[in-house]
Amino acid sequence: MGLTAADTGDGSGNAAWPLALIGVGAALVIFAHDGFWSVFNARQMERS
């Protein structure tokens, strides 16, 4: 397996890191996506 929880020293804490990064990354993508479309739609409204 390579590195195990014992090798890293802080098993429970390190196990949570990937999940935390995925959650934060997903939230950033969602917020960025919503913000982009709100700005894009506002510009489309101005042109018409």
Protein backbone atom coordinates (compact mmCIF):
# COMPACT_ATOMS: atom_id res chain seq x y z
CA MET A 1 0.00 0.00 0.00
CA GLY A 2 2.97 2.37 0.36
CA LEU A 3 2.12 4.94 3.02
CA THR A 4 -0.27 3.91 5.74
CA ALA A 5 -2.06 5.94 8.39
CA ALA A 6 0.67 4.93 10.86
CA ASP A 7 3.44 6.18 8.54
CA THR A 8 1.92 9.63 8.14
CA GLY A 9 1.76 10.07 11.92
CA ASP A 10 -1.68 11.71 12.04
CA GLY A 11 -4.00 9.11 10.59
CA SER A 12 -7.46 10.58 11.13
CA GLY A 13 -6.43 14.12 10.24
CA ASN A 14 -4.70 13.14 7.00
CA ALA A 15 -7.60 10.92 5.96
CA ALA A 16 -9.90 13.96 6.08
CA TRP A 17 -7.66 16.18 3.91
CA PRO A 18 -8.65 14.78 0.47
CA LEU A 19 -12.35 14.98 1.35
CA ALA A 20 -11.96 18.56 2.58
CA LEU A 21 -10.10 19.59 -0.58
CA ILE A 22 -12.75 17.96 -2.79
CA GLY A 23 -15.53 19.72 -0.89
CA VAL A 24 -13.84 23.13 -1.06
CA GLY A 25 -12.98 22.63 -4.72
CA ALA A 26 -16.55 21.68 -5.59
CA ALA A 27 -17.91 24.71 -3.72
CA LEU A 28 -15.49 27.04 -5.55
CA VAL A 29 -16.48 25.57 -8.92
CA ILE A 30 -20.19 26.01 -8.13
CA PHE A 31 -19.77 29.61 -6.93
CA ALA A 32 -17.54 30.52 -9.88
CA HIS A 33 -20.00 28.93 -12.32
CA ASP A 34 -22.98 30.76 -10.84
CA GLY A 35 -21.10 34.06 -10.74
CA PHE A 36 -19.96 33.69 -14.35
CA TRP A 37 -23.47 33.01 -15.63
CA SER A 38 -25.02 35.87 -13.64
CA VAL A 39 -22.51 38.32 -15.17
CA PHE A 40 -22.90 36.78 -18.63
CA ASN A 41 -26.69 36.99 -18.50
CA ALA A 42 -26.54 40.60 -17.29
CA ARG A 43 -24.37 41.54 -20.28
CA GLN A 44 -26.72 39.76 -22.67
CA MET A 45 -29.63 41.75 -21.23
CA GLU A 46 -27.79 45.04 -21.81
CA ARG A 47 -27.20 44.26 -25.48
CA SER A 48 -30.79 43.35 -26.29
